[in-house]
């Protein structure tokens, strides 16, 4: 299915948010996720189903000034 991840249209196989993170090789817990402009708590990632056209933002912290 086609979704938009961080502004880029991509074809994915995952149907749940937690599975998408595995598909994209994201590891750890130090990031936030917004689905269609709503930030989701980590406790909802496994229960969140994705659908074609969803907009997903994966925000990772960066050091610097």
Protein backbone atom coordinates (compact mmCIF):
# COMPACT_ATOMS: atom_id res chain seq x y z
CA UNK A 1 0.00 0.00 0.00
CA UNK A 2 1.15 3.56 -0.61
CA UNK A 3 1.59 5.98 2.28
CA UNK A 4 3.57 9.15 2.87
CA UNK A 5 6.45 8.86 5.34
CA UNK A 6 8.23 12.06 6.36
CA UNK A 7 6.95 13.77 3.21
CA UNK A 8 7.99 10.98 0.82
CA UNK A 9 5.48 8.68 -0.87
CA UNK A 10 6.45 5.04 -0.29
CA UNK A 11 5.12 1.56 -0.92
CA UNK A 12 4.95 -0.49 2.29
CA UNK A 13 3.89 -4.01 3.24
CA UNK A 14 3.12 -3.30 6.93
CA UNK A 15 -0.49 -2.91 8.01
CA UNK A 16 0.22 -1.77 11.60
CA UNK A 17 2.36 1.08 12.85
CA UNK A 18 4.65 -1.12 14.95
CA UNK A 19 5.25 -3.41 11.96
CA UNK A 20 6.10 -0.38 9.81
CA UNK A 21 8.85 0.58 12.24
CA UNK A 22 10.34 -2.90 11.84
CA UNK A 23 10.04 -2.70 8.07
CA UNK A 24 11.90 0.63 8.11
CA UNK A 25 14.55 -0.72 10.55
CA UNK A 26 13.76 1.78 13.30
CA UNK A 27 15.11 0.54 16.61
CA UNK A 28 14.82 1.91 20.11
CA UNK A 29 12.20 4.15 21.64
CA UNK A 30 13.61 7.65 21.32
CA UNK A 31 11.32 9.03 18.66
CA UNK A 32 7.76 10.23 18.25
CA UNK A 33 5.22 9.30 15.60
CA UNK A 34 2.39 11.34 14.15
CA UNK A 35 -0.26 9.68 12.00
CA UNK A 36 -2.31 12.09 9.91
CA UNK A 37 -1.06 14.96 12.12
CA UNK A 38 -2.01 13.29 15.42
CA UNK A 39 0.87 12.29 17.71
CA UNK A 40 0.34 8.74 18.97
CA UNK A 41 1.57 7.46 22.32
CA UNK A 42 3.84 4.43 22.12
CA UNK A 43 1.17 2.37 23.88
CA UNK A 44 -1.02 2.67 20.74
CA UNK A 45 1.59 1.80 18.09
CA UNK A 46 0.82 -1.95 18.05
CA UNK A 47 -2.95 -1.38 17.82
CA UNK A 48 -2.83 1.30 15.12
CA UNK A 49 -3.82 0.05 11.68
CA UNK A 50 -2.47 1.80 8.61
CA UNK A 51 -4.40 2.46 5.42
CA UNK A 52 -3.48 3.70 1.96
CA UNK A 53 -2.85 7.42 1.85
CA UNK A 54 -1.93 7.79 5.53
CA UNK A 55 0.64 10.47 6.34
CA UNK A 56 3.21 9.32 8.86
CA UNK A 57 5.86 11.52 10.45
CA UNK A 58 8.65 9.83 12.41
CA UNK A 59 10.45 12.43 14.48
CA UNK A 60 13.85 11.64 15.96
CA UNK A 61 15.77 13.83 18.43
CA UNK A 62 18.96 15.52 17.29
CA UNK A 63 21.76 17.15 19.18
CA UNK A 64 23.11 20.50 18.25
CA UNK A 65 22.33 24.11 18.53
